């Protein structure tokens, strides 16, 4: 196991994926108020 995986209990890729999904969730819950579309959020976060 890498030091990262030992410290965070996930691989770096899983960690980054979780960060992106959490940001997508946050943006989607406020999308209407912010004037964002699902497409725009998806494009911004990859």
Protein backbone atom coordinates (compact mmCIF):
# COMPACT_ATOMS: atom_id res chain seq x y z
CA UNK A 1 0.00 0.00 0.00
CA UNK A 2 1.16 3.52 -0.74
CA UNK A 3 1.53 6.05 2.06
CA UNK A 4 -1.43 7.93 0.57
CA UNK A 5 -3.65 4.85 0.62
CA UNK A 6 -2.52 4.03 4.14
CA UNK A 7 -3.33 7.53 5.37
CA UNK A 8 -6.65 8.05 3.58
CA UNK A 9 -7.80 4.41 3.19
CA UNK A 10 -8.42 4.94 -0.55
CA UNK A 11 -6.24 5.19 -3.63
CA UNK A 12 -5.38 8.64 -5.02
CA UNK A 13 -7.76 8.05 -7.95
CA UNK A 14 -10.63 7.13 -5.63
CA UNK A 15 -9.90 10.22 -3.53
CA UNK A 16 -9.97 12.55 -6.55
CA UNK A 17 -13.12 10.89 -7.88
CA UNK A 18 -14.85 11.41 -4.52
CA UNK A 19 -13.82 15.08 -4.48
CA UNK A 20 -15.24 15.60 -7.98
CA UNK A 21 -18.48 13.79 -7.15
CA UNK A 22 -18.94 15.81 -3.96
CA UNK A 23 -18.41 19.04 -5.89
CA UNK A 24 -20.87 17.90 -8.57
CA UNK A 25 -23.44 17.09 -5.88
CA UNK A 26 -22.95 20.52 -4.29
CA UNK A 27 -23.29 22.32 -7.61
CA UNK A 28 -26.32 20.28 -8.68
CA UNK A 29 -28.18 21.08 -5.46
CA UNK A 30 -27.70 24.80 -6.10
CA UNK A 31 -27.76 24.71 -9.91
CA UNK A 32 -31.06 26.52 -10.34
CA UNK A 33 -30.07 29.33 -7.99
CA UNK A 34 -26.70 29.68 -9.72
CA UNK A 35 -28.07 29.37 -13.24
CA UNK A 36 -25.96 26.30 -14.00
CA UNK A 37 -27.04 23.47 -16.26
CA UNK A 38 -26.25 19.82 -15.69
CA UNK A 39 -24.22 19.91 -18.90
CA UNK A 40 -22.16 22.87 -17.71
CA UNK A 41 -21.44 21.18 -14.39
CA UNK A 42 -20.45 17.94 -16.12
CA UNK A 43 -18.15 19.77 -18.52
CA UNK A 44 -16.51 21.75 -15.71
CA UNK A 45 -15.83 18.70 -13.57
CA UNK A 46 -14.97 16.24 -16.32
